[in-house]
Amino acid sequence: MVTLDADFHALLALSGALFPSVIRIRIEGMKGEQVASIIQRVEAAAMSDLVSGAAVTVTERRIALRRLPLSAK
């Protein structure tokens, strides 16, 4: 799942879910080709984590990945 909405990561944390993996893009104003390029980069860098369950956040500066289930720290 790919989203611009922070609620999906919060719902994963609250529920203790192991799936689905969620990629949250925190960059506004992109066109479809740019979003597709980001998704391809994330898949190439983290496919095994995405298959196992992960919450990924993409900003202009970095890609952050946390394995599921998320815990409140």
N, C-alpha and C. Protein backbone atom coordinates (compact mmCIF):
# COMPACT_ATOMS: atom_id res chain seq x y z
N MET A 1 0.84 -1.16 0.00
CA MET A 1 0.00 0.00 0.00
C MET A 1 0.90 1.23 0.00
N VAL A 2 0.53 2.22 -0.78
CA VAL A 2 1.26 3.49 -0.83
C VAL A 2 0.28 4.59 -0.45
N THR A 3 0.74 5.52 0.41
CA THR A 3 -0.16 6.57 0.89
C THR A 3 0.61 7.86 1.17
N LEU A 4 -0.13 8.95 1.23
CA LEU A 4 0.39 10.23 1.71
C LEU A 4 -0.10 10.49 3.13
N ASP A 5 -0.89 9.60 3.68
CA ASP A 5 -1.60 9.77 4.94
C ASP A 5 -0.87 9.09 6.09
N ALA A 6 -0.59 9.83 7.15
CA ALA A 6 0.11 9.29 8.32
C ALA A 6 -0.73 8.31 9.11
N ASP A 7 -2.03 8.34 8.93
CA ASP A 7 -2.90 7.48 9.73
C ASP A 7 -2.62 6.00 9.55
N PHE A 8 -2.17 5.57 8.39
CA PHE A 8 -1.92 4.15 8.18
C PHE A 8 -0.82 3.63 9.08
N HIS A 9 0.26 4.38 9.25
CA HIS A 9 1.33 3.96 10.15
C HIS A 9 0.80 3.91 11.60
N ALA A 10 0.01 4.89 11.96
CA ALA A 10 -0.56 4.91 13.32
C ALA A 10 -1.47 3.72 13.55
N LEU A 11 -2.30 3.39 12.58
CA LEU A 11 -3.19 2.24 12.71
C LEU A 11 -2.41 0.93 12.82
N LEU A 12 -1.34 0.81 12.07
CA LEU A 12 -0.50 -0.38 12.18
C LEU A 12 0.09 -0.50 13.59
N ALA A 13 0.56 0.61 14.13
CA ALA A 13 1.15 0.60 15.47
C ALA A 13 0.11 0.24 16.52
N LEU A 14 -1.06 0.85 16.45
CA LEU A 14 -2.11 0.59 17.44
C LEU A 14 -2.63 -0.84 17.40
N SER A 15 -2.69 -1.40 16.21
CA SER A 15 -3.26 -2.74 16.07
C SER A 15 -2.23 -3.85 16.27
N GLY A 16 -0.95 -3.53 16.20
CA GLY A 16 0.09 -4.55 16.29
C GLY A 16 0.15 -5.43 15.05
N ALA A 17 -0.36 -4.93 13.94
CA ALA A 17 -0.46 -5.70 12.70
C ALA A 17 0.92 -6.09 12.15
N LEU A 18 0.96 -7.24 11.50
CA LEU A 18 2.16 -7.70 10.81
C LEU A 18 2.11 -7.38 9.32
N PHE A 19 0.91 -7.08 8.82
CA PHE A 19 0.68 -6.77 7.41
C PHE A 19 -0.46 -5.80 7.32
N PRO A 20 -0.64 -5.05 6.28
CA PRO A 20 0.17 -4.99 5.06
C PRO A 20 1.34 -4.04 5.24
N SER A 21 2.31 -4.16 4.37
CA SER A 21 3.38 -3.17 4.33
C SER A 21 2.80 -1.87 3.77
N VAL A 22 3.31 -0.75 4.31
CA VAL A 22 2.81 0.56 3.88
C VAL A 22 4.00 1.46 3.57
N ILE A 23 3.94 2.09 2.41
CA ILE A 23 4.94 3.09 2.03
C ILE A 23 4.25 4.46 2.11
N ARG A 24 4.73 5.29 3.03
CA ARG A 24 4.18 6.64 3.18
C ARG A 24 5.13 7.63 2.53
N ILE A 25 4.62 8.39 1.59
CA ILE A 25 5.43 9.39 0.90
C ILE A 25 5.12 10.76 1.49
N ARG A 26 6.15 11.38 2.05
CA ARG A 26 5.98 12.69 2.69
C ARG A 26 6.57 13.81 1.84
N ILE A 27 6.32 13.73 0.55
CA ILE A 27 6.77 14.75 -0.39
C ILE A 27 5.54 15.20 -1.16
N GLU A 28 5.28 16.47 -1.13
CA GLU A 28 4.08 16.99 -1.79
C GLU A 28 4.38 17.52 -3.19
N GLY A 29 3.34 17.57 -4.02
CA GLY A 29 3.42 18.20 -5.31
C GLY A 29 4.09 17.39 -6.41
N MET A 30 4.22 16.08 -6.22
CA MET A 30 4.87 15.26 -7.25
C MET A 30 3.86 14.82 -8.30
N LYS A 31 4.39 14.57 -9.48
CA LYS A 31 3.59 14.02 -10.57
C LYS A 31 3.68 12.50 -10.51
N GLY A 32 2.80 11.83 -11.24
CA GLY A 32 2.73 10.38 -11.23
C GLY A 32 4.05 9.69 -11.52
N GLU A 33 4.81 10.19 -12.48
CA GLU A 33 6.10 9.58 -12.83
C GLU A 33 7.08 9.66 -11.67
N GLN A 34 7.05 10.75 -10.94
CA GLN A 34 7.94 10.91 -9.79
C GLN A 34 7.56 9.94 -8.67
N VAL A 35 6.28 9.79 -8.43
CA VAL A 35 5.81 8.85 -7.41
C VAL A 35 6.20 7.43 -7.81
N ALA A 36 5.99 7.08 -9.07
CA ALA A 36 6.35 5.74 -9.55
C ALA A 36 7.84 5.48 -9.37
N SER A 37 8.67 6.48 -9.63
CA SER A 37 10.11 6.34 -9.47
C SER A 37 10.48 6.08 -8.01
N ILE A 38 9.84 6.80 -7.10
CA ILE A 38 10.10 6.59 -5.67
C ILE A 38 9.70 5.18 -5.26
N ILE A 39 8.54 4.75 -5.69
CA ILE A 39 8.07 3.40 -5.34
C ILE A 39 9.05 2.35 -5.86
N GLN A 40 9.55 2.52 -7.06
CA GLN A 40 10.53 1.58 -7.61
C GLN A 40 11.82 1.58 -6.80
N ARG A 41 12.27 2.75 -6.36
CA ARG A 41 13.48 2.83 -5.53
C ARG A 41 13.28 2.10 -4.20
N VAL A 42 12.12 2.32 -3.58
CA VAL A 42 11.84 1.65 -2.30
C VAL A 42 11.78 0.14 -2.50
N GLU A 43 11.10 -0.31 -3.53
CA GLU A 43 11.02 -1.74 -3.80
C GLU A 43 12.40 -2.34 -4.01
N ALA A 44 13.25 -1.67 -4.77
CA ALA A 44 14.59 -2.18 -5.05
C ALA A 44 15.43 -2.26 -3.78
N ALA A 45 15.26 -1.28 -2.90
CA ALA A 45 16.08 -1.22 -1.69
C ALA A 45 15.56 -2.10 -0.56
N ALA A 46 14.25 -2.40 -0.55
CA ALA A 46 13.68 -3.02 0.64
C ALA A 46 12.66 -4.12 0.36
N MET A 47 12.77 -4.80 -0.77
CA MET A 47 11.76 -5.79 -1.14
C MET A 47 11.59 -6.87 -0.08
N SER A 48 12.67 -7.40 0.47
CA SER A 48 12.52 -8.48 1.46
C SER A 48 11.81 -7.97 2.71
N ASP A 49 12.05 -6.74 3.11
CA ASP A 49 11.35 -6.17 4.26
C ASP A 49 9.87 -5.94 3.94
N LEU A 50 9.58 -5.48 2.73
CA LEU A 50 8.19 -5.24 2.34
C LEU A 50 7.40 -6.55 2.31
N VAL A 51 8.01 -7.61 1.84
CA VAL A 51 7.35 -8.91 1.80
C VAL A 51 7.08 -9.44 3.21
N SER A 52 7.98 -9.14 4.13
CA SER A 52 7.85 -9.62 5.52
C SER A 52 6.96 -8.72 6.36
N GLY A 53 6.70 -7.50 5.93
CA GLY A 53 5.88 -6.55 6.67
C GLY A 53 6.71 -5.39 7.17
N ALA A 54 6.46 -4.20 6.63
CA ALA A 54 7.25 -3.03 7.01
C ALA A 54 6.45 -1.76 6.83
N ALA A 55 6.84 -0.75 7.59
CA ALA A 55 6.31 0.59 7.44
C ALA A 55 7.46 1.46 6.94
N VAL A 56 7.30 2.03 5.77
CA VAL A 56 8.35 2.82 5.14
C VAL A 56 7.88 4.26 5.04
N THR A 57 8.77 5.20 5.38
CA THR A 57 8.48 6.61 5.23
C THR A 57 9.54 7.21 4.31
N VAL A 58 9.08 7.91 3.29
CA VAL A 58 9.98 8.52 2.31
C VAL A 58 9.87 10.04 2.42
N THR A 59 11.01 10.68 2.63
CA THR A 59 11.07 12.14 2.60
C THR A 59 12.04 12.55 1.49
N GLU A 60 12.23 13.83 1.31
CA GLU A 60 13.16 14.29 0.29
C GLU A 60 14.59 13.88 0.60
N ARG A 61 14.89 13.67 1.88
CA ARG A 61 16.26 13.36 2.29
C ARG A 61 16.56 11.90 2.54
N ARG A 62 15.51 11.09 2.85
CA ARG A 62 15.82 9.71 3.21
C ARG A 62 14.62 8.78 3.08
N ILE A 63 14.93 7.50 3.17
CA ILE A 63 13.93 6.46 3.23
C ILE A 63 14.13 5.75 4.57
N ALA A 64 13.11 5.81 5.43
CA ALA A 64 13.19 5.17 6.75
C ALA A 64 12.28 3.95 6.74
N LEU A 65 12.78 2.84 7.29
CA LEU A 65 12.03 1.60 7.30
C LEU A 65 11.98 1.02 8.71
N ARG A 66 10.79 0.59 9.10
CA ARG A 66 10.62 -0.11 10.38
C ARG A 66 9.86 -1.39 10.11
N ARG A 67 10.34 -2.49 10.64
CA ARG A 67 9.67 -3.78 10.46
C ARG A 67 8.42 -3.82 11.33
N LEU A 68 7.42 -4.53 10.84
CA LEU A 68 6.17 -4.73 11.60
C LEU A 68 6.33 -5.95 12.49
N PRO A 69 5.70 -5.99 13.64
CA PRO A 69 4.77 -5.00 14.16
C PRO A 69 5.51 -3.78 14.73
N LEU A 70 4.87 -2.62 14.62
CA LEU A 70 5.42 -1.40 15.20
C LEU A 70 5.09 -1.38 16.67
N SER A 71 5.98 -0.81 17.44
CA SER A 71 5.70 -0.66 18.87
C SER A 71 5.89 0.79 19.26
N ALA A 72 5.14 1.22 20.23
CA ALA A 72 5.27 2.60 20.73
C ALA A 72 6.55 2.67 21.53
N LYS A 73 7.46 3.56 21.14
CA LYS A 73 8.74 3.69 21.86
C LYS A 73 8.85 5.03 22.49
